[in-house]
């Protein structure tokens, strides 16, 4: 496998690490992490002719404060709600409203400057997956489509400040941001996460405490739900 971000339009590292107020495209550096930091790690690999793109949140330390937990839980839950919507015949434009309608009443905001995307043999392609209410004619989902959903949710303003390195994007007000991402494939009976977790993955608090979906989400197809039931039976009991 080859790290897709490395040298992509000049990106200097093999993955993105976005800490606290960094919304996305953070470049790994030698800053030491501190207790309470929230970190998004965004990884894409190229294997057998295809790209697989995913990202996950991590909290430094064992006791995240209530504001941190609320931000991460809201981000995870809106993401899962959007993923659950995916099935053949549905409009891509509807995904943004699902995300925005979940987070705004909770006091959070959703970034408009960046989006999810089609993916496959090409790293970034159509359709653009907007994470806010919109009426863009981005087409309908069909079996075989592969794309990412990756909402970036901010605890205050979603206005973006771009750093001089031409990659790092932060919140303009210094508020923290969170993000989750899967590469998805639309199936005849729903959707599957091609980058889903497995029985060896870490179970995070937002997966244990979610009121939307508890455990590792793998998709809505019959095959995905069967795999998830088997894995979550062991993971959630453990």
C-alpha atoms as a PDB file:
ATOM      1  CA  UNK A   1       0.000   0.000   0.000  1.00  0.00           C
ATOM      2  CA  UNK A   2       1.129   3.562  -0.755  1.00  0.00           C
ATOM      3  CA  UNK A   3       0.079   6.648   1.271  1.00  0.00           C
ATOM      4  CA  UNK A   4      -2.076   8.657  -1.122  1.00  0.00           C
ATOM      5  CA  UNK A   5      -1.432  12.094   0.483  1.00  0.00           C
ATOM      6  CA  UNK A   6       2.358  11.893   0.128  1.00  0.00           C
ATOM      7  CA  UNK A   7       3.381  14.431  -2.556  1.00  0.00           C
ATOM      8  CA  UNK A   8      -0.278  14.903  -3.567  1.00  0.00           C
ATOM      9  CA  UNK A   9      -0.161  18.421  -5.036  1.00  0.00           C
ATOM     10  CA  UNK A  10       2.971  18.871  -2.930  1.00  0.00           C
ATOM     11  CA  UNK A  11       1.607  17.668   0.431  1.00  0.00           C
ATOM     12  CA  UNK A  12       4.801  16.794   2.379  1.00  0.00           C
ATOM     13  CA  UNK A  13       3.634  13.935   4.649  1.00  0.00           C
ATOM     14  CA  UNK A  14       1.885  10.561   4.457  1.00  0.00           C
ATOM     15  CA  UNK A  15      -1.187  11.489   6.515  1.00  0.00           C
ATOM     16  CA  UNK A  16      -2.972  14.522   7.947  1.00  0.00           C
ATOM     17  CA  UNK A  17      -3.003  15.233  11.685  1.00  0.00           C
ATOM     18  CA  UNK A  18      -5.392  18.023  12.669  1.00  0.00           C
ATOM     19  CA  UNK A  19      -5.204  19.098  16.321  1.00  0.00           C
ATOM     20  CA  UNK A  20      -7.757  21.209  18.218  1.00  0.00           C
ATOM     21  CA  UNK A  21      -8.585  24.255  16.048  1.00  0.00           C
ATOM     22  CA  UNK A  22      -7.154  22.665  12.883  1.00  0.00           C
ATOM     23  CA  UNK A  23     -10.143  21.740  10.721  1.00  0.00           C
ATOM     24  CA  UNK A  24      -8.303  19.620   8.168  1.00  0.00           C
ATOM     25  CA  UNK A  25      -5.072  19.052   6.225  1.00  0.00           C
ATOM     26  CA  UNK A  26      -2.846  19.511   9.255  1.00  0.00           C
ATOM     27  CA  UNK A  27       0.781  18.610   8.514  1.00  0.00           C
ATOM     28  CA  UNK A  28       2.386  16.304  11.122  1.00  0.00           C
ATOM     29  CA  UNK A  29       5.106  18.122  13.052  1.00  0.00           C
ATOM     30  CA  UNK A  30       7.157  17.845  16.257  1.00  0.00           C
ATOM     31  CA  UNK A  31       4.699  19.614  18.582  1.00  0.00           C
ATOM     32  CA  UNK A  32       4.142  17.440  21.635  1.00  0.00           C
ATOM     33  CA  UNK A  33       0.526  16.582  22.322  1.00  0.00           C
ATOM     34  CA  UNK A  34      -0.965  17.759  25.608  1.00  0.00           C
ATOM     35  CA  UNK A  35      -3.663  16.457  27.933  1.00  0.00           C
ATOM     36  CA  UNK A  36      -7.066  17.316  26.516  1.00  0.00           C
ATOM     37  CA  UNK A  37      -5.994  17.814  22.907  1.00  0.00           C
ATOM     38  CA  UNK A  38      -8.403  16.501  20.283  1.00  0.00           C
ATOM     39  CA  UNK A  39      -6.733  15.003  17.236  1.00  0.00           C
ATOM     40  CA  UNK A  40      -8.072  13.952  13.865  1.00  0.00           C
ATOM     41  CA  UNK A  41      -5.919  11.495  11.941  1.00  0.00           C
ATOM     42  CA  UNK A  42      -6.840  11.298   8.249  1.00  0.00           C
ATOM     43  CA  UNK A  43      -5.347   8.362   6.358  1.00  0.00           C
ATOM     44  CA  UNK A  44      -5.678   7.370   2.709  1.00  0.00           C
ATOM     45  CA  UNK A  45      -3.911   4.427   1.138  1.00  0.00           C
ATOM     46  CA  UNK A  46      -3.598   3.337  -2.485  1.00  0.00           C
ATOM     47  CA  UNK A  47      -3.797  -0.435  -2.882  1.00  0.00           C
ATOM     48  CA  UNK A  48      -4.458  -2.630  -5.912  1.00  0.00           C
ATOM     49  CA  UNK A  49      -5.412   0.362  -8.027  1.00  0.00           C
ATOM     50  CA  UNK A  50      -7.838   2.047  -5.612  1.00  0.00           C
ATOM     51  CA  UNK A  51      -7.772   4.688  -2.875  1.00  0.00           C
ATOM     52  CA  UNK A  52      -9.389   4.194   0.554  1.00  0.00           C
ATOM     53  CA  UNK A  53      -9.893   7.338   2.637  1.00  0.00           C
ATOM     54  CA  UNK A  54     -10.885   7.506   6.311  1.00  0.00           C
ATOM     55  CA  UNK A  55     -10.387   9.594   9.437  1.00  0.00           C
ATOM     56  CA  UNK A  56     -10.938   9.153  13.168  1.00  0.00           C
ATOM     57  CA  UNK A  57     -10.858  11.341  16.260  1.00  0.00           C
ATOM     58  CA  UNK A  58      -8.703  10.762  19.331  1.00  0.00           C
ATOM     59  CA  UNK A  59      -8.571  12.525  22.694  1.00  0.00           C
ATOM     60  CA  UNK A  60      -5.260  12.867  24.537  1.00  0.00           C
ATOM     61  CA  UNK A  61      -5.667  11.596  28.086  1.00  0.00           C
ATOM     62  CA  UNK A  62      -8.368   9.608  29.820  1.00  0.00           C
ATOM     63  CA  UNK A  63     -10.827  12.262  30.973  1.00  0.00           C
ATOM     64  CA  UNK A  64     -12.192  14.521  28.232  1.00  0.00           C
ATOM     65  CA  UNK A  65     -14.165  17.478  29.547  1.00  0.00           C
ATOM     66  CA  UNK A  66     -17.916  17.805  28.854  1.00  0.00           C
ATOM     67  CA  UNK A  67     -17.431  20.319  26.014  1.00  0.00           C
ATOM     68  CA  UNK A  68     -15.016  17.973  24.260  1.00  0.00           C
ATOM     69  CA  UNK A  69     -17.379  15.042  24.622  1.00  0.00           C
ATOM     70  CA  UNK A  70     -20.302  17.068  23.314  1.00  0.00           C
ATOM     71  CA  UNK A  71     -18.401  18.199  20.202  1.00  0.00           C
ATOM     72  CA  UNK A  72     -17.165  14.718  19.339  1.00  0.00           C
ATOM     73  CA  UNK A  73     -20.506  13.073  20.041  1.00  0.00           C
ATOM     74  CA  UNK A  74     -22.378  15.555  17.856  1.00  0.00           C
ATOM     75  CA  UNK A  75     -19.868  15.132  15.038  1.00  0.00           C
ATOM     76  CA  UNK A  76     -20.030  11.352  15.187  1.00  0.00           C
ATOM     77  CA  UNK A  77     -23.822  11.220  15.404  1.00  0.00           C
ATOM     78  CA  UNK A  78     -24.468  13.594  12.484  1.00  0.00           C
ATOM     79  CA  UNK A  79     -21.979  11.609  10.397  1.00  0.00           C
ATOM     80  CA  UNK A  80     -23.678   8.294  11.160  1.00  0.00           C
ATOM     81  CA  UNK A  81     -27.096   9.795  10.417  1.00  0.00           C
ATOM     82  CA  UNK A  82     -25.820  10.896   7.006  1.00  0.00           C
ATOM     83  CA  UNK A  83     -24.224   7.503   6.316  1.00  0.00           C
ATOM     84  CA  UNK A  84     -27.470   5.752   7.252  1.00  0.00           C
ATOM     85  CA  UNK A  85     -29.346   7.800   4.629  1.00  0.00           C
ATOM     86  CA  UNK A  86     -27.324   6.381   1.743  1.00  0.00           C
ATOM     87  CA  UNK A  87     -29.146   4.040  -0.644  1.00  0.00           C
ATOM     88  CA  UNK A  88     -29.811   3.846  -4.387  1.00  0.00           C
ATOM     89  CA  UNK A  89     -32.093   6.546  -5.783  1.00  0.00           C
ATOM     90  CA  UNK A  90     -31.509   9.145  -3.074  1.00  0.00           C
ATOM     91  CA  UNK A  91     -30.119  12.612  -3.817  1.00  0.00           C
ATOM     92  CA  UNK A  92     -26.581  13.452  -2.718  1.00  0.00           C
ATOM     93  CA  UNK A  93     -27.699  16.992  -1.869  1.00  0.00           C
ATOM     94  CA  UNK A  94     -29.858  15.707   1.011  1.00  0.00           C
ATOM     95  CA  UNK A  95     -26.833  14.609   3.042  1.00  0.00           C
ATOM     96  CA  UNK A  96     -25.895  18.161   3.984  1.00  0.00           C
ATOM     97  CA  UNK A  97     -29.257  18.971   5.544  1.00  0.00           C
ATOM     98  CA  UNK A  98     -29.100  15.842   7.694  1.00  0.00           C
ATOM     99  CA  UNK A  99     -25.745  16.963   9.086  1.00  0.00           C
ATOM    100  CA  UNK A 100     -26.609  20.630   9.579  1.00  0.00           C
ATOM    101  CA  UNK A 101     -30.000  19.911  11.133  1.00  0.00           C
ATOM    102  CA  UNK A 102     -28.360  17.703  13.751  1.00  0.00           C
ATOM    103  CA  UNK A 103     -25.488  19.944  14.852  1.00  0.00           C
ATOM    104  CA  UNK A 104     -26.921  23.473  14.691  1.00  0.00           C
ATOM    105  CA  UNK A 105     -29.558  22.945  17.428  1.00  0.00           C
ATOM    106  CA  UNK A 106     -26.728  21.676  19.639  1.00  0.00           C
ATOM    107  CA  UNK A 107     -24.835  24.951  19.197  1.00  0.00           C
ATOM    108  CA  UNK A 108     -22.261  23.740  16.655  1.00  0.00           C
ATOM    109  CA  UNK A 109     -21.550  24.745  13.061  1.00  0.00           C
ATOM    110  CA  UNK A 110     -20.575  22.856   9.926  1.00  0.00           C
ATOM    111  CA  UNK A 111     -17.704  23.851   7.627  1.00  0.00           C
ATOM    112  CA  UNK A 112     -18.651  24.908   4.092  1.00  0.00           C
ATOM    113  CA  UNK A 113     -15.171  25.305   2.599  1.00  0.00           C
ATOM    114  CA  UNK A 114     -14.394  21.591   2.319  1.00  0.00           C
ATOM    115  CA  UNK A 115     -16.443  18.604   1.249  1.00  0.00           C
ATOM    116  CA  UNK A 116     -16.565  14.863   0.830  1.00  0.00           C
ATOM    117  CA  UNK A 117     -15.883  13.466  -2.600  1.00  0.00           C
ATOM    118  CA  UNK A 118     -16.089  10.633  -5.033  1.00  0.00           C
ATOM    119  CA  UNK A 119     -13.169   8.226  -4.782  1.00  0.00           C
ATOM    120  CA  UNK A 120     -11.880   5.085  -6.461  1.00  0.00           C
ATOM    121  CA  UNK A 121      -9.025   4.767  -8.926  1.00  0.00           C
ATOM    122  CA  UNK A 122      -8.834   8.573  -8.583  1.00  0.00           C
ATOM    123  CA  UNK A 123      -8.226  10.108  -5.124  1.00  0.00           C
ATOM    124  CA  UNK A 124     -10.709  13.000  -5.457  1.00  0.00           C
ATOM    125  CA  UNK A 125     -13.487  13.088  -8.039  1.00  0.00           C
ATOM    126  CA  UNK A 126     -17.206  13.790  -8.349  1.00  0.00           C
ATOM    127  CA  UNK A 127     -19.642  13.973  -6.702  1.00  0.00           C
ATOM    128  CA  UNK A 128     -18.882  16.690  -4.168  1.00  0.00           C
ATOM    129  CA  UNK A 129     -20.518  15.801  -0.851  1.00  0.00           C
ATOM    130  CA  UNK A 130     -21.561  19.050   0.845  1.00  0.00           C
ATOM    131  CA  UNK A 131     -21.988  18.905   4.619  1.00  0.00           C
ATOM    132  CA  UNK A 132     -24.544  21.705   4.880  1.00  0.00           C
ATOM    133  CA  UNK A 133     -28.068  22.319   3.593  1.00  0.00           C
ATOM    134  CA  UNK A 134     -27.886  22.922  -0.142  1.00  0.00           C
ATOM    135  CA  UNK A 135     -29.729  22.540  -3.419  1.00  0.00           C
ATOM    136  CA  UNK A 136     -26.804  21.614  -5.624  1.00  0.00           C
ATOM    137  CA  UNK A 137     -27.643  19.217  -8.504  1.00  0.00           C
ATOM    138  CA  UNK A 138     -25.084  16.580  -7.519  1.00  0.00           C
ATOM    139  CA  UNK A 139     -27.092  13.652  -8.834  1.00  0.00           C
ATOM    140  CA  UNK A 140     -28.521  10.521  -7.280  1.00  0.00           C
ATOM    141  CA  UNK A 141     -26.872   7.588  -5.551  1.00  0.00           C
ATOM    142  CA  UNK A 142     -26.649   4.327  -7.469  1.00  0.00           C
ATOM    143  CA  UNK A 143     -25.251   0.888  -6.705  1.00  0.00           C
ATOM    144  CA  UNK A 144     -21.496   0.862  -7.235  1.00  0.00           C
ATOM    145  CA  UNK A 145     -20.924   4.540  -6.440  1.00  0.00           C
ATOM    146  CA  UNK A 146     -18.002   5.112  -4.060  1.00  0.00           C
ATOM    147  CA  UNK A 147     -17.545   8.351  -2.130  1.00  0.00           C
ATOM    148  CA  UNK A 148     -16.722   9.819   1.279  1.00  0.00           C
ATOM    149  CA  UNK A 149     -18.837  11.549   3.888  1.00  0.00           C
ATOM    150  CA  UNK A 150     -16.581  13.580   6.203  1.00  0.00           C
ATOM    151  CA  UNK A 151     -18.298  16.429   8.071  1.00  0.00           C
ATOM    152  CA  UNK A 152     -16.102  18.975   9.825  1.00  0.00           C
ATOM    153  CA  UNK A 153     -17.976  20.348  12.827  1.00  0.00           C
ATOM    154  CA  UNK A 154     -16.859  23.357  14.887  1.00  0.00           C
ATOM    155  CA  UNK A 155     -17.679  24.269  18.473  1.00  0.00           C
ATOM    156  CA  UNK A 156     -18.134  27.929  17.505  1.00  0.00           C
ATOM    157  CA  UNK A 157     -17.613  29.638  14.144  1.00  0.00           C
ATOM    158  CA  UNK A 158     -16.974  27.572  11.013  1.00  0.00           C
ATOM    159  CA  UNK A 159     -15.145  30.451   9.329  1.00  0.00           C
ATOM    160  CA  UNK A 160     -11.821  29.154   7.971  1.00  0.00           C
ATOM    161  CA  UNK A 161      -8.322  30.589   8.284  1.00  0.00           C
ATOM    162  CA  UNK A 162      -5.799  29.179   5.790  1.00  0.00           C
ATOM    163  CA  UNK A 163      -2.159  29.031   6.868  1.00  0.00           C
ATOM    164  CA  UNK A 164       0.763  30.142   4.677  1.00  0.00           C
ATOM    165  CA  UNK A 165       1.832  26.500   4.206  1.00  0.00           C
ATOM    166  CA  UNK A 166      -1.054  26.275   1.672  1.00  0.00           C
ATOM    167  CA  UNK A 167      -2.535  23.241   3.450  1.00  0.00           C
ATOM    168  CA  UNK A 168      -3.438  23.780   7.105  1.00  0.00           C
ATOM    169  CA  UNK A 169      -6.980  25.093   7.599  1.00  0.00           C
ATOM    170  CA  UNK A 170      -8.024  26.256  11.075  1.00  0.00           C
ATOM    171  CA  UNK A 171     -11.047  27.909  12.624  1.00  0.00           C
ATOM    172  CA  UNK A 172     -10.706  31.684  12.459  1.00  0.00           C
ATOM    173  CA  UNK A 173     -11.781  32.075  16.079  1.00  0.00           C
ATOM    174  CA  UNK A 174      -9.552  29.335  17.519  1.00  0.00           C
ATOM    175  CA  UNK A 175     -12.463  27.083  18.448  1.00  0.00           C
ATOM    176  CA  UNK A 176     -11.969  23.354  18.165  1.00  0.00           C
ATOM    177  CA  UNK A 177     -13.118  21.219  15.264  1.00  0.00           C
ATOM    178  CA  UNK A 178     -13.846  17.511  14.832  1.00  0.00           C
ATOM    179  CA  UNK A 179     -14.288  15.188  11.870  1.00  0.00           C
ATOM    180  CA  UNK A 180     -15.031  11.555  10.974  1.00  0.00           C
ATOM    181  CA  UNK A 181     -14.786   9.915   7.559  1.00  0.00           C
ATOM    182  CA  UNK A 182     -15.443   6.638   5.773  1.00  0.00           C
ATOM    183  CA  UNK A 183     -15.126   5.552   2.174  1.00  0.00           C
ATOM    184  CA  UNK A 184     -18.558   4.187   1.288  1.00  0.00           C
ATOM    185  CA  UNK A 185     -19.895   2.007  -1.508  1.00  0.00           C
ATOM    186  CA  UNK A 186     -23.555   2.060  -2.448  1.00  0.00           C
ATOM    187  CA  UNK A 187     -25.028  -1.444  -2.727  1.00  0.00           C
ATOM    188  CA  UNK A 188     -28.314  -2.675  -4.146  1.00  0.00           C
ATOM    189  CA  UNK A 189     -29.741  -2.837  -0.617  1.00  0.00           C
ATOM    190  CA  UNK A 190     -28.057   0.116   1.069  1.00  0.00           C
ATOM    191  CA  UNK A 191     -24.453   1.066   1.771  1.00  0.00           C
ATOM    192  CA  UNK A 192     -21.254  -0.441   3.164  1.00  0.00           C
ATOM    193  CA  UNK A 193     -18.245   1.231   4.771  1.00  0.00           C
ATOM    194  CA  UNK A 194     -15.146   0.048   2.915  1.00  0.00           C
ATOM    195  CA  UNK A 195     -13.030   1.538   5.721  1.00  0.00           C
ATOM    196  CA  UNK A 196     -15.079   0.089   8.597  1.00  0.00           C
ATOM    197  CA  UNK A 197     -13.531  -0.928  11.903  1.00  0.00           C
ATOM    198  CA  UNK A 198     -13.052  -4.560  12.871  1.00  0.00           C
ATOM    199  CA  UNK A 199     -12.888  -6.628  16.046  1.00  0.00           C
ATOM    200  CA  UNK A 200      -9.351  -5.381  16.749  1.00  0.00           C
ATOM    201  CA  UNK A 201     -10.272  -1.680  16.594  1.00  0.00           C
ATOM    202  CA  UNK A 202     -10.507   0.696  19.544  1.00  0.00           C
ATOM    203  CA  UNK A 203     -14.038   1.333  20.830  1.00  0.00           C
ATOM    204  CA  UNK A 204     -14.386   5.055  21.531  1.00  0.00           C
ATOM    205  CA  UNK A 205     -16.805   6.729  23.953  1.00  0.00           C
ATOM    206  CA  UNK A 206     -18.870   8.231  21.130  1.00  0.00           C
ATOM    207  CA  UNK A 207     -19.512   4.734  19.782  1.00  0.00           C
ATOM    208  CA  UNK A 208     -20.500   3.415  23.207  1.00  0.00           C
ATOM    209  CA  UNK A 209     -22.687   6.392  24.146  1.00  0.00           C
ATOM    210  CA  UNK A 210     -24.289   7.251  20.801  1.00  0.00           C
ATOM    211  CA  UNK A 211     -28.058   7.518  20.682  1.00  0.00           C
ATOM    212  CA  UNK A 212     -27.896   7.075  16.889  1.00  0.00           C
ATOM    213  CA  UNK A 213     -25.879   3.857  16.597  1.00  0.00           C
ATOM    214  CA  UNK A 214     -23.983   1.966  19.291  1.00  0.00           C
ATOM    215  CA  UNK A 215     -20.824   0.091  18.370  1.00  0.00           C
ATOM    216  CA  UNK A 216     -18.931  -0.054  15.093  1.00  0.00           C
ATOM    217  CA  UNK A 217     -21.045   1.128  12.156  1.00  0.00           C
ATOM    218  CA  UNK A 218     -20.381  -0.927   9.031  1.00  0.00           C
ATOM    219  CA  UNK A 219     -23.309  -0.057   6.809  1.00  0.00           C
ATOM    220  CA  UNK A 220     -26.978  -0.751   6.155  1.00  0.00           C
ATOM    221  CA  UNK A 221     -26.775  -3.600   3.642  1.00  0.00           C
ATOM    222  CA  UNK A 222     -27.759  -7.034   4.917  1.00  0.00           C
ATOM    223  CA  UNK A 223     -24.139  -8.167   4.689  1.00  0.00           C
ATOM    224  CA  UNK A 224     -22.845  -5.140   6.605  1.00  0.00           C
ATOM    225  CA  UNK A 225     -25.461  -5.432   9.346  1.00  0.00           C
ATOM    226  CA  UNK A 226     -24.629  -9.117   9.792  1.00  0.00           C
ATOM    227  CA  UNK A 227     -20.910  -8.370  10.173  1.00  0.00           C
ATOM    228  CA  UNK A 228     -21.617  -5.514  12.572  1.00  0.00           C
ATOM    229  CA  UNK A 229     -23.887  -7.634  14.763  1.00  0.00           C
ATOM    230  CA  UNK A 230     -21.186 -10.273  15.115  1.00  0.00           C
ATOM    231  CA  UNK A 231     -18.360  -7.839  15.854  1.00  0.00           C
ATOM    232  CA  UNK A 232     -20.378  -5.546  18.148  1.00  0.00           C
ATOM    233  CA  UNK A 233     -21.654  -8.455  20.205  1.00  0.00           C
ATOM    234  CA  UNK A 234     -18.059  -9.052  21.288  1.00  0.00           C
ATOM    235  CA  UNK A 235     -16.845  -5.446  21.343  1.00  0.00           C
ATOM    236  CA  UNK A 236     -19.688  -3.886  23.341  1.00  0.00           C
ATOM    237  CA  UNK A 237     -19.726  -6.706  25.896  1.00  0.00           C
ATOM    238  CA  UNK A 238     -15.963  -6.404  26.327  1.00  0.00           C
END
